[in-house]
Amino acid sequence: MNTSTVMTRDVVVVSPIVTAGIAARMMERLRIRHLPVVEGGRLVGILSDRDLLKHTPGTSCGAAMTAAPVTCSSNASVSQVAQLMLEHRIDSIPIVGYSGVLTGLVTSTDLLALLVDQEQAQVLPFDFRLRTAVNDSDALFA
């Protein structure tokens, strides 16, 4: 399954000159956690709710954003995107075209939605096991 089937296509973006305070209010109002930062139609960074915690409201999004974020193309597989999220410990990956133009965004919420959908859950079987801490001091697992 390609990312094009799960990505959010209606993506809200900001310019690098928008302030972090305005971006924070937008994110809160829209109930989103990530804002791609776009300049001249091209992705230049991504701003997360965690990035905003490190900066004052007057800081520009260009200064607060993560520059050169991890990206994928729309023909990347969903498992490739999930693997990148795990490797980089991030919760979203902008999807870009060959020229760097933003075409969508895949978030951890998009990936979790696959598991909620019964049809998709049958396509994506997985096993899990619980690990119980043996004691607090050494964090070993049984």
N, C-alpha and C. Protein backbone atom coordinates (compact mmCIF):
# COMPACT_ATOMS: atom_id res chain seq x y z
N MET A 1 0.85 -1.18 0.00
CA MET A 1 0.00 0.00 0.00
C MET A 1 0.90 1.24 0.00
N ASN A 2 0.62 2.16 -0.90
CA ASN A 2 1.41 3.39 -1.01
C ASN A 2 0.91 4.47 -0.05
N THR A 3 1.80 5.40 0.25
CA THR A 3 1.44 6.50 1.13
C THR A 3 0.31 7.35 0.55
N SER A 4 0.20 7.36 -0.77
CA SER A 4 -0.84 8.18 -1.39
C SER A 4 -2.24 7.76 -0.95
N THR A 5 -2.40 6.51 -0.50
CA THR A 5 -3.71 6.05 -0.06
C THR A 5 -4.04 6.46 1.38
N VAL A 6 -3.02 6.78 2.17
CA VAL A 6 -3.28 7.11 3.58
C VAL A 6 -2.95 8.56 3.94
N MET A 7 -2.24 9.26 3.08
CA MET A 7 -1.79 10.60 3.46
C MET A 7 -2.94 11.60 3.52
N THR A 8 -2.75 12.58 4.36
CA THR A 8 -3.66 13.71 4.43
C THR A 8 -3.33 14.62 3.26
N ARG A 9 -4.34 14.93 2.46
CA ARG A 9 -4.11 15.75 1.26
C ARG A 9 -4.44 17.22 1.51
N ASP A 10 -5.36 17.48 2.41
CA ASP A 10 -5.77 18.85 2.74
C ASP A 10 -4.89 19.33 3.89
N VAL A 11 -3.67 19.74 3.56
CA VAL A 11 -2.68 20.07 4.58
C VAL A 11 -2.61 21.58 4.77
N VAL A 12 -2.69 22.00 6.02
CA VAL A 12 -2.52 23.41 6.37
C VAL A 12 -1.02 23.66 6.47
N VAL A 13 -0.55 24.73 5.84
CA VAL A 13 0.87 25.07 5.86
C VAL A 13 1.05 26.50 6.35
N VAL A 14 2.29 26.83 6.71
CA VAL A 14 2.62 28.20 7.09
C VAL A 14 3.87 28.65 6.35
N SER A 15 4.04 29.94 6.30
CA SER A 15 5.23 30.56 5.73
C SER A 15 6.28 30.66 6.83
N PRO A 16 7.56 30.70 6.48
CA PRO A 16 8.60 30.85 7.50
C PRO A 16 8.51 32.15 8.29
N ILE A 17 7.83 33.16 7.75
CA ILE A 17 7.77 34.45 8.46
C ILE A 17 6.64 34.54 9.48
N VAL A 18 5.73 33.58 9.47
CA VAL A 18 4.64 33.56 10.45
C VAL A 18 5.25 33.33 11.83
N THR A 19 4.69 33.97 12.84
CA THR A 19 5.25 33.79 14.19
C THR A 19 4.79 32.48 14.81
N ALA A 20 5.59 32.01 15.74
CA ALA A 20 5.27 30.77 16.45
C ALA A 20 3.96 30.91 17.22
N GLY A 21 3.67 32.09 17.71
CA GLY A 21 2.42 32.32 18.43
C GLY A 21 1.21 32.13 17.54
N ILE A 22 1.27 32.65 16.32
CA ILE A 22 0.17 32.48 15.37
C ILE A 22 0.05 31.01 14.99
N ALA A 23 1.19 30.36 14.75
CA ALA A 23 1.18 28.93 14.40
C ALA A 23 0.58 28.10 15.53
N ALA A 24 0.92 28.42 16.76
CA ALA A 24 0.39 27.68 17.91
C ALA A 24 -1.13 27.82 18.00
N ARG A 25 -1.63 29.03 17.77
CA ARG A 25 -3.08 29.23 17.81
C ARG A 25 -3.77 28.47 16.68
N MET A 26 -3.15 28.46 15.49
CA MET A 26 -3.72 27.71 14.37
C MET A 26 -3.78 26.22 14.70
N MET A 27 -2.69 25.71 15.25
CA MET A 27 -2.63 24.28 15.57
C MET A 27 -3.67 23.92 16.63
N GLU A 28 -3.81 24.77 17.62
CA GLU A 28 -4.80 24.52 18.67
C GLU A 28 -6.22 24.56 18.11
N ARG A 29 -6.51 25.57 17.31
CA ARG A 29 -7.86 25.73 16.75
C ARG A 29 -8.21 24.58 15.80
N LEU A 30 -7.24 24.15 15.00
CA LEU A 30 -7.47 23.09 14.02
C LEU A 30 -7.24 21.68 14.59
N ARG A 31 -6.74 21.63 15.82
CA ARG A 31 -6.46 20.36 16.51
C ARG A 31 -5.48 19.50 15.69
N ILE A 32 -4.37 20.13 15.30
CA ILE A 32 -3.31 19.44 14.59
C ILE A 32 -2.00 19.62 15.34
N ARG A 33 -1.03 18.75 15.07
CA ARG A 33 0.25 18.81 15.78
C ARG A 33 1.44 19.14 14.90
N HIS A 34 1.21 19.24 13.58
CA HIS A 34 2.31 19.49 12.66
C HIS A 34 1.89 20.48 11.58
N LEU A 35 2.79 21.41 11.28
CA LEU A 35 2.56 22.37 10.21
C LEU A 35 3.78 22.36 9.29
N PRO A 36 3.62 21.90 8.06
CA PRO A 36 4.71 22.04 7.11
C PRO A 36 4.97 23.53 6.86
N VAL A 37 6.23 23.88 6.72
CA VAL A 37 6.61 25.26 6.44
C VAL A 37 7.00 25.31 4.96
N VAL A 38 6.30 26.16 4.22
CA VAL A 38 6.44 26.20 2.76
C VAL A 38 6.82 27.61 2.33
N GLU A 39 7.76 27.66 1.38
CA GLU A 39 8.17 28.94 0.82
C GLU A 39 8.27 28.78 -0.69
N GLY A 40 7.54 29.63 -1.42
CA GLY A 40 7.54 29.52 -2.87
C GLY A 40 7.01 28.19 -3.36
N GLY A 41 6.07 27.60 -2.63
CA GLY A 41 5.48 26.32 -3.02
C GLY A 41 6.31 25.10 -2.65
N ARG A 42 7.50 25.30 -2.12
CA ARG A 42 8.38 24.18 -1.78
C ARG A 42 8.50 24.02 -0.26
N LEU A 43 8.58 22.79 0.16
CA LEU A 43 8.74 22.49 1.59
C LEU A 43 10.14 22.91 2.04
N VAL A 44 10.20 23.69 3.11
CA VAL A 44 11.50 24.10 3.67
C VAL A 44 11.69 23.60 5.09
N GLY A 45 10.62 23.11 5.72
CA GLY A 45 10.73 22.60 7.08
C GLY A 45 9.39 22.12 7.59
N ILE A 46 9.41 21.68 8.84
CA ILE A 46 8.16 21.29 9.48
C ILE A 46 8.20 21.79 10.92
N LEU A 47 7.06 22.22 11.38
CA LEU A 47 6.91 22.76 12.73
C LEU A 47 5.99 21.84 13.50
N SER A 48 6.46 21.34 14.62
CA SER A 48 5.63 20.46 15.45
C SER A 48 5.23 21.21 16.72
N ASP A 49 4.25 20.65 17.42
CA ASP A 49 3.85 21.25 18.69
C ASP A 49 5.01 21.23 19.67
N ARG A 50 5.89 20.25 19.56
CA ARG A 50 7.06 20.18 20.45
C ARG A 50 8.07 21.28 20.11
N ASP A 51 8.21 21.61 18.83
CA ASP A 51 9.10 22.72 18.44
C ASP A 51 8.63 24.02 19.09
N LEU A 52 7.33 24.20 19.15
CA LEU A 52 6.77 25.44 19.71
C LEU A 52 7.06 25.59 21.20
N LEU A 53 7.22 24.48 21.90
CA LEU A 53 7.51 24.53 23.33
C LEU A 53 8.89 25.13 23.61
N LYS A 54 9.78 25.08 22.63
CA LYS A 54 11.16 25.54 22.80
C LYS A 54 11.36 27.00 22.42
N HIS A 55 10.32 27.67 21.92
CA HIS A 55 10.48 29.02 21.40
C HIS A 55 9.41 29.96 21.94
N THR A 56 9.73 31.24 21.93
CA THR A 56 8.77 32.25 22.37
C THR A 56 7.76 32.51 21.25
N PRO A 57 6.59 33.03 21.60
CA PRO A 57 5.55 33.28 20.60
C PRO A 57 6.00 34.22 19.47
N GLY A 58 6.97 35.09 19.71
CA GLY A 58 7.42 36.02 18.69
C GLY A 58 8.44 35.45 17.72
N THR A 59 8.93 34.26 17.99
CA THR A 59 9.90 33.62 17.11
C THR A 59 9.24 33.27 15.79
N SER A 60 9.96 33.40 14.70
CA SER A 60 9.39 33.05 13.40
C SER A 60 9.35 31.53 13.25
N CYS A 61 8.42 31.06 12.44
CA CYS A 61 8.34 29.62 12.18
C CYS A 61 9.61 29.13 11.50
N GLY A 62 10.23 30.00 10.69
CA GLY A 62 11.49 29.65 10.05
C GLY A 62 12.59 29.35 11.05
N ALA A 63 12.59 30.06 12.17
CA ALA A 63 13.60 29.84 13.21
C ALA A 63 13.23 28.66 14.11
N ALA A 64 11.94 28.40 14.28
CA ALA A 64 11.49 27.35 15.20
C ALA A 64 11.35 25.99 14.53
N MET A 65 11.24 25.97 13.21
CA MET A 65 10.98 24.72 12.49
C MET A 65 12.18 23.78 12.49
N THR A 66 11.90 22.53 12.16
CA THR A 66 12.94 21.57 11.85
C THR A 66 13.21 21.72 10.35
N ALA A 67 14.39 22.20 10.03
CA ALA A 67 14.74 22.39 8.62
C ALA A 67 15.10 21.05 7.99
N ALA A 68 14.89 20.95 6.70
CA ALA A 68 15.21 19.74 5.94
C ALA A 68 14.65 18.48 6.61
N PRO A 69 13.33 18.43 6.80
CA PRO A 69 12.74 17.27 7.48
C PRO A 69 12.84 16.00 6.64
N VAL A 70 12.68 14.87 7.30
CA VAL A 70 12.61 13.58 6.60
C VAL A 70 11.36 13.61 5.74
N THR A 71 11.48 13.25 4.47
CA THR A 71 10.34 13.26 3.55
C THR A 71 10.27 11.94 2.80
N CYS A 72 9.17 11.72 2.13
CA CYS A 72 8.98 10.56 1.25
C CYS A 72 8.20 11.00 0.02
N SER A 73 8.20 10.14 -0.98
CA SER A 73 7.38 10.38 -2.15
C SER A 73 6.07 9.62 -1.98
N SER A 74 5.09 9.95 -2.79
CA SER A 74 3.77 9.32 -2.66
C SER A 74 3.77 7.86 -3.07
N ASN A 75 4.81 7.41 -3.74
CA ASN A 75 4.85 5.98 -4.11
C ASN A 75 5.62 5.14 -3.10
N ALA A 76 6.10 5.75 -2.01
CA ALA A 76 6.73 4.98 -0.93
C ALA A 76 5.66 4.13 -0.25
N SER A 77 6.05 2.99 0.25
CA SER A 77 5.08 2.13 0.93
C SER A 77 4.78 2.66 2.32
N VAL A 78 3.63 2.29 2.84
CA VAL A 78 3.23 2.68 4.18
C VAL A 78 4.24 2.13 5.19
N SER A 79 4.73 0.93 4.96
CA SER A 79 5.69 0.36 5.91
C SER A 79 7.01 1.12 5.87
N GLN A 80 7.42 1.66 4.72
CA GLN A 80 8.63 2.48 4.65
C GLN A 80 8.46 3.75 5.47
N VAL A 81 7.31 4.37 5.36
CA VAL A 81 7.03 5.59 6.11
C VAL A 81 7.02 5.29 7.61
N ALA A 82 6.37 4.22 8.00
CA ALA A 82 6.33 3.84 9.42
C ALA A 82 7.74 3.56 9.93
N GLN A 83 8.56 2.89 9.14
CA GLN A 83 9.93 2.60 9.54
C GLN A 83 10.74 3.88 9.74
N LEU A 84 10.57 4.84 8.84
CA LEU A 84 11.26 6.12 8.99
C LEU A 84 10.82 6.85 10.25
N MET A 85 9.52 6.79 10.54
CA MET A 85 9.02 7.44 11.76
C MET A 85 9.65 6.81 12.99
N LEU A 86 9.75 5.50 12.99
CA LEU A 86 10.36 4.80 14.13
C LEU A 86 11.85 5.13 14.24
N GLU A 87 12.56 5.07 13.13
CA GLU A 87 14.01 5.34 13.13
C GLU A 87 14.34 6.74 13.62
N HIS A 88 13.56 7.71 13.17
CA HIS A 88 13.85 9.11 13.49
C HIS A 88 13.06 9.63 14.69
N ARG A 89 12.20 8.77 15.23
CA ARG A 89 11.37 9.15 16.39
C ARG A 89 10.57 10.42 16.11
N ILE A 90 9.84 10.38 14.97
CA ILE A 90 9.02 11.52 14.56
C ILE A 90 7.59 11.03 14.34
N ASP A 91 6.65 11.96 14.35
CA ASP A 91 5.24 11.61 14.23
C ASP A 91 4.60 12.04 12.93
N SER A 92 5.38 12.60 12.01
CA SER A 92 4.82 12.96 10.71
C SER A 92 5.93 12.98 9.66
N ILE A 93 5.52 12.70 8.44
CA ILE A 93 6.45 12.77 7.31
C ILE A 93 5.75 13.49 6.16
N PRO A 94 6.32 14.62 5.73
CA PRO A 94 5.77 15.30 4.57
C PRO A 94 5.99 14.45 3.31
N ILE A 95 5.00 14.44 2.45
CA ILE A 95 5.10 13.73 1.17
C ILE A 95 5.33 14.80 0.10
N VAL A 96 6.41 14.64 -0.64
CA VAL A 96 6.78 15.65 -1.63
C VAL A 96 6.91 15.05 -3.02
N GLY A 97 6.67 15.88 -4.01
CA GLY A 97 6.88 15.50 -5.40
C GLY A 97 8.35 15.63 -5.76
N TYR A 98 8.68 15.30 -6.98
CA TYR A 98 10.07 15.33 -7.43
C TYR A 98 10.71 16.70 -7.32
N SER A 99 9.94 17.74 -7.46
CA SER A 99 10.48 19.10 -7.40
C SER A 99 10.45 19.70 -6.00
N GLY A 100 10.13 18.89 -4.99
CA GLY A 100 10.10 19.39 -3.62
C GLY A 100 8.79 20.03 -3.22
N VAL A 101 7.78 19.94 -4.07
CA VAL A 101 6.47 20.52 -3.77
C VAL A 101 5.72 19.57 -2.84
N LEU A 102 5.17 20.12 -1.78
CA LEU A 102 4.40 19.33 -0.81
C LEU A 102 3.12 18.81 -1.45
N THR A 103 2.89 17.50 -1.35
CA THR A 103 1.66 16.91 -1.90
C THR A 103 0.78 16.32 -0.82
N GLY A 104 1.32 16.12 0.38
CA GLY A 104 0.53 15.55 1.46
C GLY A 104 1.36 15.40 2.71
N LEU A 105 0.77 14.80 3.72
CA LEU A 105 1.42 14.59 5.00
C LEU A 105 0.92 13.27 5.58
N VAL A 106 1.83 12.42 6.01
CA VAL A 106 1.44 11.19 6.71
C VAL A 106 1.81 11.37 8.17
N THR A 107 0.83 11.20 9.05
CA THR A 107 1.05 11.34 10.48
C THR A 107 0.85 10.00 11.16
N SER A 108 1.28 9.93 12.40
CA SER A 108 1.06 8.71 13.18
C SER A 108 -0.44 8.44 13.31
N THR A 109 -1.25 9.46 13.33
CA THR A 109 -2.70 9.29 13.38
C THR A 109 -3.21 8.63 12.11
N ASP A 110 -2.66 9.00 10.96
CA ASP A 110 -3.05 8.36 9.70
C ASP A 110 -2.72 6.86 9.74
N LEU A 111 -1.56 6.52 10.28
CA LEU A 111 -1.16 5.12 10.34
C LEU A 111 -2.02 4.33 11.34
N LEU A 112 -2.35 4.95 12.46
CA LEU A 112 -3.22 4.29 13.44
C LEU A 112 -4.61 4.07 12.88
N ALA A 113 -5.07 4.98 12.03
CA ALA A 113 -6.39 4.84 11.42
C ALA A 113 -6.47 3.56 10.59
N LEU A 114 -5.35 3.12 10.04
CA LEU A 114 -5.33 1.86 9.29
C LEU A 114 -5.72 0.68 10.17
N LEU A 115 -5.29 0.73 11.41
CA LEU A 115 -5.58 -0.36 12.33
C LEU A 115 -7.02 -0.36 12.82
N VAL A 116 -7.66 0.80 12.80
CA VAL A 116 -9.04 0.91 13.23
C VAL A 116 -9.98 0.35 12.17
N ASP A 117 -9.64 0.56 10.92
CA ASP A 117 -10.45 0.07 9.81
C ASP A 117 -10.32 -1.44 9.71
N GLN A 118 -11.40 -2.16 9.92
CA GLN A 118 -11.37 -3.63 9.93
C GLN A 118 -10.82 -4.23 8.66
N GLU A 119 -11.18 -3.68 7.52
CA GLU A 119 -10.67 -4.23 6.26
C GLU A 119 -9.16 -4.10 6.20
N GLN A 120 -8.66 -2.96 6.60
CA GLN A 120 -7.21 -2.73 6.57
C GLN A 120 -6.51 -3.55 7.64
N ALA A 121 -7.14 -3.73 8.79
CA ALA A 121 -6.50 -4.50 9.86
C ALA A 121 -6.26 -5.93 9.42
N GLN A 122 -7.14 -6.47 8.58
CA GLN A 122 -6.94 -7.82 8.08
C GLN A 122 -5.78 -7.89 7.10
N VAL A 123 -5.50 -6.79 6.43
CA VAL A 123 -4.38 -6.73 5.50
C VAL A 123 -3.06 -6.58 6.25
N LEU A 124 -3.12 -5.97 7.44
CA LEU A 124 -1.93 -5.70 8.22
C LEU A 124 -1.93 -6.49 9.53
N PRO A 125 -1.82 -7.81 9.51
CA PRO A 125 -1.82 -8.56 10.76
C PRO A 125 -0.51 -8.33 11.52
N PHE A 126 -0.59 -8.38 12.83
CA PHE A 126 0.62 -8.26 13.62
C PHE A 126 0.43 -9.01 14.93
N ASP A 127 1.55 -9.43 15.50
CA ASP A 127 1.57 -10.09 16.80
C ASP A 127 2.25 -9.15 17.78
N PHE A 128 1.94 -9.34 19.03
CA PHE A 128 2.63 -8.56 20.05
C PHE A 128 2.76 -9.40 21.30
N ARG A 129 3.66 -8.99 22.17
CA ARG A 129 3.78 -9.63 23.47
C ARG A 129 4.03 -8.54 24.50
N LEU A 130 3.54 -8.77 25.67
CA LEU A 130 3.73 -7.83 26.76
C LEU A 130 5.02 -8.16 27.48
N ARG A 131 5.79 -7.13 27.82
CA ARG A 131 7.00 -7.32 28.59
C ARG A 131 6.78 -6.65 29.93
N THR A 132 7.02 -7.38 30.99
CA THR A 132 6.78 -6.87 32.33
C THR A 132 8.11 -6.58 33.00
N ALA A 133 8.23 -5.41 33.60
CA ALA A 133 9.46 -5.06 34.30
C ALA A 133 9.64 -5.98 35.49
N VAL A 134 10.89 -6.48 35.66
CA VAL A 134 11.21 -7.37 36.77
C VAL A 134 11.34 -6.55 38.04
N ASN A 135 12.07 -5.45 37.97
CA ASN A 135 12.15 -4.54 39.12
C ASN A 135 12.45 -3.15 38.60
N ASP A 136 12.25 -2.16 39.45
CA ASP A 136 12.42 -0.77 39.02
C ASP A 136 13.87 -0.38 38.82
N SER A 137 14.79 -0.96 39.57
CA SER A 137 16.16 -0.48 39.55
C SER A 137 16.93 -0.86 38.29
N ASP A 138 16.67 -2.01 37.72
CA ASP A 138 17.49 -2.39 36.57
C ASP A 138 16.72 -2.42 35.24
N ALA A 139 15.44 -2.17 35.27
CA ALA A 139 14.60 -2.09 34.07
C ALA A 139 14.75 -3.31 33.17
N LEU A 140 14.97 -4.47 33.76
CA LEU A 140 15.02 -5.71 32.98
C LEU A 140 13.60 -6.16 32.72
N PHE A 141 13.43 -6.91 31.67
CA PHE A 141 12.11 -7.38 31.30
C PHE A 141 12.08 -8.89 31.34
N ALA A 142 10.92 -9.44 31.75
CA ALA A 142 10.75 -10.88 31.78
C ALA A 142 10.13 -11.34 30.49
